[in-house]
Amino acid sequence: MLNSFSIKELEAIKIIRQYFFDYGNAPSVRVLMQKMHYKSPRSASIIIASLVEKGFLKKKKDGSLQLAMFDFNEDFGTREQTVKIPLLGSVSCGLPIFAEENTEAEVPISIKLIKKGFKYFLLRAKGDSMNNAGINDGDLVLIRQQQQANNGDKVVALIDDEATIKEYHHTGSLVVLKPKSKSTKYQPIILTDAFRIQGVVEAVISL
């Protein structure tokens, strides 16, 4: 697929994909211009328009850009089977923040990481409250969608319409969501068993 793009477009694709991973949105025309060392924003605008036309980028109704193709296998020449998993945005590993179910991209993930019969989604971690569990700021977290968990599982928990990743512990009628951080500023979140789990962490992808 990538052989249909020019050398400059391939350079722009690498920049745009990395920017999506780092910031969750497409770079502006001026940012792309600077990263590609252009002297005028017009050159960057032409490349963006071409990438939209060729299907790498897609314009949303609000005019913002979304990744339409995100195939790592094209870059590395592998033939491993993959399935496309939606990247839904960011989730806090510090204080809980709302996780908007708005697909930023579809990321091919090896089927070896996927269990049959389950739905999956990806979230971008924010904060450092889970760094002792191997989840660092900016990591992509592969989540297996389910509403049950075992003690010690790392879960995405929904609290007052806000999502957070924590270690799950259930004792009697209480649920404790524990941070796993090198910092002492984070405290456990203590709940009744009335709240809902959104999923269990299956894998962490460090970038």
Foldseek 3Di string as FASTA:
>chain_A
DVVVDDPLLVVLLVVQVVCCLQPVFGDDLVVSCVVSVHPDSVVSVVSVVVCCVVQQWDADPVRGIAGRDAEPCVVVVDDADWDWAFEQEAAELADFAAGGRDGRYTHTDGCVLPDPPWHKHKHAYDDFQAVQVVRDHSKIWIWTFDFDDDQQFFFFWADPNTTYTFGWDDDDQKIWGHGRGPDPPDDIDIDGPPTTTGTTTRDIGDD
